[in-house]
Amino acid sequence: LTQILLRETTTLGVRAHDVRRYAAGRAQRTVATAFGPIRVKVKLLDGVEVGAKPEYEDCRRAADAHGVPLRAIYAAVEQCQGATVETVA
């Protein structure tokens, strides 16, 4: 890629950096709500649950099917799993 950039563009130099990615563990569970089953992504650090987030597409489908706001689905998931879930802004 560097050779292509140097040959095909007017640049005189290319900076290259090594990058490492660190990722939390993850799991998935399904929560039964009054609006139907909703999948929830669970974030794990050292095997301990530190966060959870409902699958957006499941929430959107349920909201559309039941004619309720998306936030109502997120609230139902939170109530059913008995823990706070992160919501999308």
PDB file of N, CA and C in Angstrom:
ATOM      1  N   LEU A   1       0.832  -1.191   0.000  1.00  0.00           N
ATOM      2  CA  LEU A   1       0.000   0.000   0.000  1.00  0.00           C
ATOM      3  C   LEU A   1       0.878   1.257   0.000  1.00  0.00           C
ATOM      4  N   THR A   2       1.949   1.227   0.772  1.00  0.00           N
ATOM      5  CA  THR A   2       2.856   2.377   0.826  1.00  0.00           C
ATOM      6  C   THR A   2       3.437   2.676  -0.550  1.00  0.00           C
ATOM      7  N   GLN A   3       3.865   1.647  -1.251  1.00  0.00           N
ATOM      8  CA  GLN A   3       4.438   1.828  -2.589  1.00  0.00           C
ATOM      9  C   GLN A   3       3.430   2.459  -3.544  1.00  0.00           C
ATOM     10  N   ILE A   4       2.191   2.048  -3.460  1.00  0.00           N
ATOM     11  CA  ILE A   4       1.144   2.612  -4.325  1.00  0.00           C
ATOM     12  C   ILE A   4       0.947   4.091  -4.016  1.00  0.00           C
ATOM     13  N   LEU A   5       0.876   4.436  -2.733  1.00  0.00           N
ATOM     14  CA  LEU A   5       0.703   5.837  -2.346  1.00  0.00           C
ATOM     15  C   LEU A   5       1.859   6.700  -2.845  1.00  0.00           C
ATOM     16  N   LEU A   6       3.082   6.224  -2.685  1.00  0.00           N
ATOM     17  CA  LEU A   6       4.243   6.992  -3.118  1.00  0.00           C
ATOM     18  C   LEU A   6       4.299   7.115  -4.641  1.00  0.00           C
ATOM     19  N   ARG A   7       3.922   6.064  -5.337  1.00  0.00           N
ATOM     20  CA  ARG A   7       3.992   6.063  -6.792  1.00  0.00           C
ATOM     21  C   ARG A   7       2.835   6.842  -7.428  1.00  0.00           C
ATOM     22  N   GLU A   8       1.642   6.702  -6.904  1.00  0.00           N
ATOM     23  CA  GLU A   8       0.447   7.216  -7.566  1.00  0.00           C
ATOM     24  C   GLU A   8      -0.047   8.567  -7.050  1.00  0.00           C
ATOM     25  N   THR A   9       0.564   9.110  -6.011  1.00  0.00           N
ATOM     26  CA  THR A   9       0.128  10.410  -5.488  1.00  0.00           C
ATOM     27  C   THR A   9       1.309  11.369  -5.452  1.00  0.00           C
ATOM     28  N   THR A  10       1.032  12.598  -5.075  1.00  0.00           N
ATOM     29  CA  THR A  10       2.099  13.604  -5.003  1.00  0.00           C
ATOM     30  C   THR A  10       2.809  13.627  -3.655  1.00  0.00           C
ATOM     31  N   THR A  11       2.428  12.744  -2.745  1.00  0.00           N
ATOM     32  CA  THR A  11       3.037  12.739  -1.416  1.00  0.00           C
ATOM     33  C   THR A  11       4.515  12.365  -1.483  1.00  0.00           C
ATOM     34  N   LEU A  12       5.287  12.937  -0.573  1.00  0.00           N
ATOM     35  CA  LEU A  12       6.710  12.626  -0.484  1.00  0.00           C
ATOM     36  C   LEU A  12       7.012  11.661   0.653  1.00  0.00           C
ATOM     37  N   GLY A  13       6.008  11.360   1.454  1.00  0.00           N
ATOM     38  CA  GLY A  13       6.232  10.448   2.574  1.00  0.00           C
ATOM     39  C   GLY A  13       4.928   9.889   3.112  1.00  0.00           C
ATOM     40  N   VAL A  14       5.049   8.774   3.793  1.00  0.00           N
ATOM     41  CA  VAL A  14       3.895   8.104   4.397  1.00  0.00           C
ATOM     42  C   VAL A  14       4.278   7.714   5.814  1.00  0.00           C
ATOM     43  N   ARG A  15       3.438   8.054   6.772  1.00  0.00           N
ATOM     44  CA  ARG A  15       3.679   7.641   8.157  1.00  0.00           C
ATOM     45  C   ARG A  15       2.994   6.294   8.388  1.00  0.00           C
ATOM     46  N   ALA A  16       3.688   5.399   9.056  1.00  0.00           N
ATOM     47  CA  ALA A  16       3.127   4.085   9.367  1.00  0.00           C
ATOM     48  C   ALA A  16       3.236   3.843  10.870  1.00  0.00           C
ATOM     49  N   HIS A  17       2.173   3.334  11.453  1.00  0.00           N
ATOM     50  CA  HIS A  17       2.139   3.049  12.884  1.00  0.00           C
ATOM     51  C   HIS A  17       1.579   1.649  13.102  1.00  0.00           C
ATOM     52  N   ASP A  18       2.181   0.918  14.028  1.00  0.00           N
ATOM     53  CA  ASP A  18       1.611  -0.355  14.440  1.00  0.00           C
ATOM     54  C   ASP A  18       0.489  -0.066  15.423  1.00  0.00           C
ATOM     55  N   VAL A  19      -0.589  -0.781  15.306  1.00  0.00           N
ATOM     56  CA  VAL A  19      -1.751  -0.556  16.161  1.00  0.00           C
ATOM     57  C   VAL A  19      -2.189  -1.885  16.760  1.00  0.00           C
ATOM     58  N   ARG A  20      -2.492  -1.858  18.039  1.00  0.00           N
ATOM     59  CA  ARG A  20      -3.033  -3.039  18.714  1.00  0.00           C
ATOM     60  C   ARG A  20      -4.460  -2.745  19.124  1.00  0.00           C
ATOM     61  N   ARG A  21      -5.281  -3.778  19.125  1.00  0.00           N
ATOM     62  CA  ARG A  21      -6.672  -3.624  19.534  1.00  0.00           C
ATOM     63  C   ARG A  21      -6.915  -4.509  20.745  1.00  0.00           C
ATOM     64  N   TYR A  22      -7.520  -3.928  21.742  1.00  0.00           N
ATOM     65  CA  TYR A  22      -7.906  -4.676  22.926  1.00  0.00           C
ATOM     66  C   TYR A  22      -9.422  -4.687  22.959  1.00  0.00           C
ATOM     67  N   ALA A  23      -9.997  -5.847  23.145  1.00  0.00           N
ATOM     68  CA  ALA A  23     -11.458  -5.960  23.113  1.00  0.00           C
ATOM     69  C   ALA A  23     -11.959  -6.654  24.371  1.00  0.00           C
ATOM     70  N   ALA A  24     -13.099  -6.194  24.836  1.00  0.00           N
ATOM     71  CA  ALA A  24     -13.754  -6.846  25.972  1.00  0.00           C
ATOM     72  C   ALA A  24     -14.362  -8.157  25.486  1.00  0.00           C
ATOM     73  N   GLY A  25     -14.537  -9.086  26.411  1.00  0.00           N
ATOM     74  CA  GLY A  25     -15.247 -10.305  26.077  1.00  0.00           C
ATOM     75  C   GLY A  25     -16.711  -9.983  25.840  1.00  0.00           C
ATOM     76  N   ARG A  26     -17.376 -10.862  25.141  1.00  0.00           N
ATOM     77  CA  ARG A  26     -18.792 -10.612  24.911  1.00  0.00           C
ATOM     78  C   ARG A  26     -19.587 -11.896  24.922  1.00  0.00           C
ATOM     79  N   ALA A  27     -20.837 -11.737  25.244  1.00  0.00           N
ATOM     80  CA  ALA A  27     -21.782 -12.850  25.249  1.00  0.00           C
ATOM     81  C   ALA A  27     -23.113 -12.286  24.772  1.00  0.00           C
ATOM     82  N   GLN A  28     -24.048 -13.168  24.553  1.00  0.00           N
ATOM     83  CA  GLN A  28     -25.379 -12.723  24.132  1.00  0.00           C
ATOM     84  C   GLN A  28     -26.424 -13.501  24.900  1.00  0.00           C
ATOM     85  N   ARG A  29     -27.502 -12.812  25.266  1.00  0.00           N
ATOM     86  CA  ARG A  29     -28.629 -13.496  25.884  1.00  0.00           C
ATOM     87  C   ARG A  29     -29.897 -12.925  25.276  1.00  0.00           C
ATOM     88  N   THR A  30     -30.989 -13.621  25.466  1.00  0.00           N
ATOM     89  CA  THR A  30     -32.278 -13.155  24.975  1.00  0.00           C
ATOM     90  C   THR A  30     -33.164 -12.867  26.169  1.00  0.00           C
ATOM     91  N   VAL A  31     -33.795 -11.695  26.144  1.00  0.00           N
ATOM     92  CA  VAL A  31     -34.677 -11.275  27.224  1.00  0.00           C
ATOM     93  C   VAL A  31     -36.107 -11.331  26.707  1.00  0.00           C
ATOM     94  N   ALA A  32     -36.988 -11.994  27.454  1.00  0.00           N
ATOM     95  CA  ALA A  32     -38.403 -12.065  27.085  1.00  0.00           C
ATOM     96  C   ALA A  32     -39.099 -10.819  27.623  1.00  0.00           C
ATOM     97  N   THR A  33     -39.651 -10.001  26.718  1.00  0.00           N
ATOM     98  CA  THR A  33     -40.362  -8.787  27.118  1.00  0.00           C
ATOM     99  C   THR A  33     -41.824  -8.891  26.685  1.00  0.00           C
ATOM    100  N   ALA A  34     -42.625  -7.943  27.112  1.00  0.00           N
ATOM    101  CA  ALA A  34     -44.027  -7.885  26.685  1.00  0.00           C
ATOM    102  C   ALA A  34     -44.125  -7.637  25.179  1.00  0.00           C
ATOM    103  N   PHE A  35     -43.046  -7.161  24.575  1.00  0.00           N
ATOM    104  CA  PHE A  35     -43.016  -6.879  23.141  1.00  0.00           C
ATOM    105  C   PHE A  35     -42.373  -8.010  22.343  1.00  0.00           C
ATOM    106  N   GLY A  36     -42.038  -9.101  23.016  1.00  0.00           N
ATOM    107  CA  GLY A  36     -41.395 -10.239  22.362  1.00  0.00           C
ATOM    108  C   GLY A  36     -39.950 -10.368  22.803  1.00  0.00           C
ATOM    109  N   PRO A  37     -39.273 -11.400  22.309  1.00  0.00           N
ATOM    110  CA  PRO A  37     -37.875 -11.621  22.701  1.00  0.00           C
ATOM    111  C   PRO A  37     -36.952 -10.570  22.082  1.00  0.00           C
ATOM    112  N   ILE A  38     -36.014 -10.083  22.887  1.00  0.00           N
ATOM    113  CA  ILE A  38     -35.025  -9.096  22.435  1.00  0.00           C
ATOM    114  C   ILE A  38     -33.643  -9.628  22.803  1.00  0.00           C
ATOM    115  N   ARG A  39     -32.760  -9.700  21.803  1.00  0.00           N
ATOM    116  CA  ARG A  39     -31.385 -10.121  22.077  1.00  0.00           C
ATOM    117  C   ARG A  39     -30.614  -8.978  22.735  1.00  0.00           C
ATOM    118  N   VAL A  40     -29.744  -9.337  23.681  1.00  0.00           N
ATOM    119  CA  VAL A  40     -28.945  -8.358  24.419  1.00  0.00           C
ATOM    120  C   VAL A  40     -27.478  -8.772  24.334  1.00  0.00           C
ATOM    121  N   LYS A  41     -26.617  -7.829  23.917  1.00  0.00           N
ATOM    122  CA  LYS A  41     -25.173  -8.059  23.914  1.00  0.00           C
ATOM    123  C   LYS A  41     -24.653  -7.737  25.303  1.00  0.00           C
ATOM    124  N   VAL A  42     -23.820  -8.615  25.836  1.00  0.00           N
ATOM    125  CA  VAL A  42     -23.277  -8.442  27.182  1.00  0.00           C
ATOM    126  C   VAL A  42     -21.765  -8.246  27.073  1.00  0.00           C
ATOM    127  N   LYS A  43     -21.248  -7.193  27.737  1.00  0.00           N
ATOM    128  CA  LYS A  43     -19.809  -6.927  27.753  1.00  0.00           C
ATOM    129  C   LYS A  43     -19.216  -7.533  29.012  1.00  0.00           C
ATOM    130  N   LEU A  44     -18.114  -8.283  28.840  1.00  0.00           N
ATOM    131  CA  LEU A  44     -17.452  -8.967  29.952  1.00  0.00           C
ATOM    132  C   LEU A  44     -15.999  -8.512  30.076  1.00  0.00           C
ATOM    133  N   LEU A  45     -15.563  -8.268  31.308  1.00  0.00           N
ATOM    134  CA  LEU A  45     -14.152  -8.023  31.598  1.00  0.00           C
ATOM    135  C   LEU A  45     -13.735  -9.015  32.663  1.00  0.00           C
ATOM    136  N   ASP A  46     -12.745  -9.824  32.347  1.00  0.00           N
ATOM    137  CA  ASP A  46     -12.286 -10.884  33.246  1.00  0.00           C
ATOM    138  C   ASP A  46     -13.441 -11.786  33.673  1.00  0.00           C
ATOM    139  N   GLY A  47     -14.361 -12.049  32.749  1.00  0.00           N
ATOM    140  CA  GLY A  47     -15.480 -12.946  33.017  1.00  0.00           C
ATOM    141  C   GLY A  47     -16.624 -12.329  33.800  1.00  0.00           C
ATOM    142  N   VAL A  48     -16.510 -11.042  34.135  1.00  0.00           N
ATOM    143  CA  VAL A  48     -17.544 -10.362  34.917  1.00  0.00           C
ATOM    144  C   VAL A  48     -18.323  -9.418  33.998  1.00  0.00           C
ATOM    145  N   GLU A  49     -19.649  -9.483  34.079  1.00  0.00           N
ATOM    146  CA  GLU A  49     -20.485  -8.605  33.265  1.00  0.00           C
ATOM    147  C   GLU A  49     -20.331  -7.160  33.725  1.00  0.00           C
ATOM    148  N   VAL A  50     -19.987  -6.274  32.783  1.00  0.00           N
ATOM    149  CA  VAL A  50     -19.818  -4.863  33.116  1.00  0.00           C
ATOM    150  C   VAL A  50     -20.738  -3.960  32.296  1.00  0.00           C
ATOM    151  N   GLY A  51     -21.512  -4.530  31.410  1.00  0.00           N
ATOM    152  CA  GLY A  51     -22.436  -3.733  30.607  1.00  0.00           C
ATOM    153  C   GLY A  51     -23.284  -4.622  29.728  1.00  0.00           C
ATOM    154  N   ALA A  52     -24.404  -4.073  29.293  1.00  0.00           N
ATOM    155  CA  ALA A  52     -25.295  -4.802  28.398  1.00  0.00           C
ATOM    156  C   ALA A  52     -25.992  -3.803  27.497  1.00  0.00           C
ATOM    157  N   LYS A  53     -26.266  -4.228  26.264  1.00  0.00           N
ATOM    158  CA  LYS A  53     -26.898  -3.330  25.303  1.00  0.00           C
ATOM    159  C   LYS A  53     -27.847  -4.141  24.427  1.00  0.00           C
ATOM    160  N   PRO A  54     -29.118  -3.758  24.377  1.00  0.00           N
ATOM    161  CA  PRO A  54     -30.070  -4.470  23.524  1.00  0.00           C
ATOM    162  C   PRO A  54     -29.694  -4.320  22.050  1.00  0.00           C
ATOM    163  N   GLU A  55     -29.960  -5.356  21.266  1.00  0.00           N
ATOM    164  CA  GLU A  55     -29.722  -5.301  19.825  1.00  0.00           C
ATOM    165  C   GLU A  55     -30.681  -4.288  19.209  1.00  0.00           C
ATOM    166  N   TYR A  56     -30.135  -3.295  18.534  1.00  0.00           N
ATOM    167  CA  TYR A  56     -30.945  -2.227  17.957  1.00  0.00           C
ATOM    168  C   TYR A  56     -32.012  -2.774  17.008  1.00  0.00           C
ATOM    169  N   GLU A  57     -31.645  -3.672  16.110  1.00  0.00           N
ATOM    170  CA  GLU A  57     -32.604  -4.177  15.115  1.00  0.00           C
ATOM    171  C   GLU A  57     -33.776  -4.889  15.778  1.00  0.00           C
ATOM    172  N   ASP A  58     -33.518  -5.664  16.827  1.00  0.00           N
ATOM    173  CA  ASP A  58     -34.611  -6.324  17.553  1.00  0.00           C
ATOM    174  C   ASP A  58     -35.541  -5.279  18.167  1.00  0.00           C
ATOM    175  N   CYS A  59     -34.952  -4.245  18.759  1.00  0.00           N
ATOM    176  CA  CYS A  59     -35.745  -3.184  19.395  1.00  0.00           C
ATOM    177  C   CYS A  59     -36.547  -2.409  18.361  1.00  0.00           C
ATOM    178  N   ARG A  60     -35.927  -2.098  17.238  1.00  0.00           N
ATOM    179  CA  ARG A  60     -36.616  -1.354  16.192  1.00  0.00           C
ATOM    180  C   ARG A  60     -37.797  -2.145  15.644  1.00  0.00           C
ATOM    181  N   ARG A  61     -37.579  -3.433  15.381  1.00  0.00           N
ATOM    182  CA  ARG A  61     -38.672  -4.280  14.869  1.00  0.00           C
ATOM    183  C   ARG A  61     -39.822  -4.350  15.862  1.00  0.00           C
ATOM    184  N   ALA A  62     -39.500  -4.517  17.131  1.00  0.00           N
ATOM    185  CA  ALA A  62     -40.543  -4.599  18.158  1.00  0.00           C
ATOM    186  C   ALA A  62     -41.296  -3.276  18.268  1.00  0.00           C
ATOM    187  N   ALA A  63     -40.582  -2.163  18.209  1.00  0.00           N
ATOM    188  CA  ALA A  63     -41.225  -0.847  18.290  1.00  0.00           C
ATOM    189  C   ALA A  63     -42.160  -0.636  17.104  1.00  0.00           C
ATOM    190  N   ASP A  64     -41.702  -0.985  15.912  1.00  0.00           N
ATOM    191  CA  ASP A  64     -42.541  -0.850  14.715  1.00  0.00           C
ATOM    192  C   ASP A  64     -43.767  -1.752  14.795  1.00  0.00           C
ATOM    193  N   ALA A  65     -43.564  -2.990  15.222  1.00  0.00           N
ATOM    194  CA  ALA A  65     -44.663  -3.962  15.275  1.00  0.00           C
ATOM    195  C   ALA A  65     -45.731  -3.573  16.291  1.00  0.00           C
ATOM    196  N   HIS A  66     -45.330  -2.923  17.360  1.00  0.00           N
ATOM    197  CA  HIS A  66     -46.274  -2.591  18.433  1.00  0.00           C
ATOM    198  C   HIS A  66     -46.664  -1.114  18.458  1.00  0.00           C
ATOM    199  N   GLY A  67     -46.101  -0.326  17.548  1.00  0.00           N
ATOM    200  CA  GLY A  67     -46.443   1.086  17.471  1.00  0.00           C
ATOM    201  C   GLY A  67     -46.064   1.885  18.703  1.00  0.00           C
ATOM    202  N   VAL A  68     -44.920   1.549  19.282  1.00  0.00           N
ATOM    203  CA  VAL A  68     -44.455   2.263  20.477  1.00  0.00           C
ATOM    204  C   VAL A  68     -43.082   2.872  20.188  1.00  0.00           C
ATOM    205  N   PRO A  69     -42.679   3.877  20.973  1.00  0.00           N
ATOM    206  CA  PRO A  69     -41.347   4.470  20.773  1.00  0.00           C
ATOM    207  C   PRO A  69     -40.236   3.468  21.100  1.00  0.00           C
ATOM    208  N   LEU A  70     -39.120   3.638  20.447  1.00  0.00           N
ATOM    209  CA  LEU A  70     -37.961   2.773  20.670  1.00  0.00           C
ATOM    210  C   LEU A  70     -37.554   2.756  22.140  1.00  0.00           C
ATOM    211  N   ARG A  71     -37.618   3.893  22.794  1.00  0.00           N
ATOM    212  CA  ARG A  71     -37.240   3.971  24.214  1.00  0.00           C
ATOM    213  C   ARG A  71     -38.117   3.079  25.084  1.00  0.00           C
ATOM    214  N   ALA A  72     -39.369   2.856  24.685  1.00  0.00           N
ATOM    215  CA  ALA A  72     -40.250   1.965  25.451  1.00  0.00           C
ATOM    216  C   ALA A  72     -39.728   0.530  25.406  1.00  0.00           C
ATOM    217  N   ILE A  73     -39.168   0.141  24.286  1.00  0.00           N
ATOM    218  CA  ILE A  73     -38.600  -1.207  24.158  1.00  0.00           C
ATOM    219  C   ILE A  73     -37.364  -1.322  25.045  1.00  0.00           C
ATOM    220  N   TYR A  74     -36.487  -0.301  25.005  1.00  0.00           N
ATOM    221  CA  TYR A  74     -35.301  -0.317  25.866  1.00  0.00           C
ATOM    222  C   TYR A  74     -35.700  -0.403  27.340  1.00  0.00           C
ATOM    223  N   ALA A  75     -36.730   0.336  27.730  1.00  0.00           N
ATOM    224  CA  ALA A  75     -37.197   0.306  29.124  1.00  0.00           C
ATOM    225  C   ALA A  75     -37.728  -1.075  29.486  1.00  0.00           C
ATOM    226  N   ALA A  76     -38.433  -1.716  28.562  1.00  0.00           N
ATOM    227  CA  ALA A  76     -38.965  -3.058  28.818  1.00  0.00           C
ATOM    228  C   ALA A  76     -37.835  -4.065  28.996  1.00  0.00           C
ATOM    229  N   VAL A  77     -36.793  -3.942  28.192  1.00  0.00           N
ATOM    230  CA  VAL A  77     -35.639  -4.843  28.323  1.00  0.00           C
ATOM    231  C   VAL A  77     -34.984  -4.638  29.679  1.00  0.00           C
ATOM    232  N   GLU A  78     -34.787  -3.392  30.061  1.00  0.00           N
ATOM    233  CA  GLU A  78     -34.163  -3.084  31.354  1.00  0.00           C
ATOM    234  C   GLU A  78     -34.979  -3.673  32.496  1.00  0.00           C
ATOM    235  N   GLN A  79     -36.293  -3.522  32.431  1.00  0.00           N
ATOM    236  CA  GLN A  79     -37.167  -4.039  33.485  1.00  0.00           C
ATOM    237  C   GLN A  79     -37.109  -5.568  33.545  1.00  0.00           C
ATOM    238  N   CYS A  80     -37.084  -6.215  32.403  1.00  0.00           N
ATOM    239  CA  CYS A  80     -37.099  -7.683  32.369  1.00  0.00           C
ATOM    240  C   CYS A  80     -35.788  -8.304  32.824  1.00  0.00           C
ATOM    241  N   GLN A  81     -34.678  -7.645  32.560  1.00  0.00           N
ATOM    242  CA  GLN A  81     -33.413  -8.263  32.973  1.00  0.00           C
ATOM    243  C   GLN A  81     -32.959  -7.775  34.331  1.00  0.00           C
ATOM    244  N   GLY A  82     -33.669  -6.820  34.902  1.00  0.00           N
ATOM    245  CA  GLY A  82     -33.378  -6.397  36.264  1.00  0.00           C
ATOM    246  C   GLY A  82     -32.070  -5.668  36.434  1.00  0.00           C
ATOM    247  N   ALA A  83     -31.544  -5.118  35.348  1.00  0.00           N
ATOM    248  CA  ALA A  83     -30.291  -4.376  35.423  1.00  0.00           C
ATOM    249  C   ALA A  83     -30.342  -3.242  34.423  1.00  0.00           C
ATOM    250  N   THR A  84     -29.497  -2.264  34.632  1.00  0.00           N
ATOM    251  CA  THR A  84     -29.447  -1.136  33.713  1.00  0.00           C
ATOM    252  C   THR A  84     -28.807  -1.568  32.404  1.00  0.00           C
ATOM    253  N   VAL A  85     -29.398  -1.129  31.311  1.00  0.00           N
ATOM    254  CA  VAL A  85     -28.814  -1.394  30.000  1.00  0.00           C
ATOM    255  C   VAL A  85     -28.406  -0.073  29.380  1.00  0.00           C
ATOM    256  N   GLU A  86     -27.363  -0.121  28.549  1.00  0.00           N
ATOM    257  CA  GLU A  86     -26.921   1.071  27.833  1.00  0.00           C
ATOM    258  C   GLU A  86     -27.867   1.282  26.658  1.00  0.00           C
ATOM    259  N   THR A  87     -28.240   2.521  26.390  1.00  0.00           N
ATOM    260  CA  THR A  87     -29.105   2.810  25.252  1.00  0.00           C
ATOM    261  C   THR A  87     -28.324   3.564  24.194  1.00  0.00           C
ATOM    262  N   VAL A  88     -28.790   3.475  22.955  1.00  0.00           N
ATOM    263  CA  VAL A  88     -28.147   4.225  21.883  1.00  0.00           C
ATOM    264  C   VAL A  88     -28.641   5.652  21.914  1.00  0.00           C
ATOM    265  N   ALA A  89     -27.751   6.583  21.658  1.00  0.00           N
ATOM    266  CA  ALA A  89     -28.116   8.007  21.695  1.00  0.00           C
ATOM    267  C   ALA A  89     -28.829   8.407  20.423  1.00  0.00           C
TER     268      ALA A  89
END
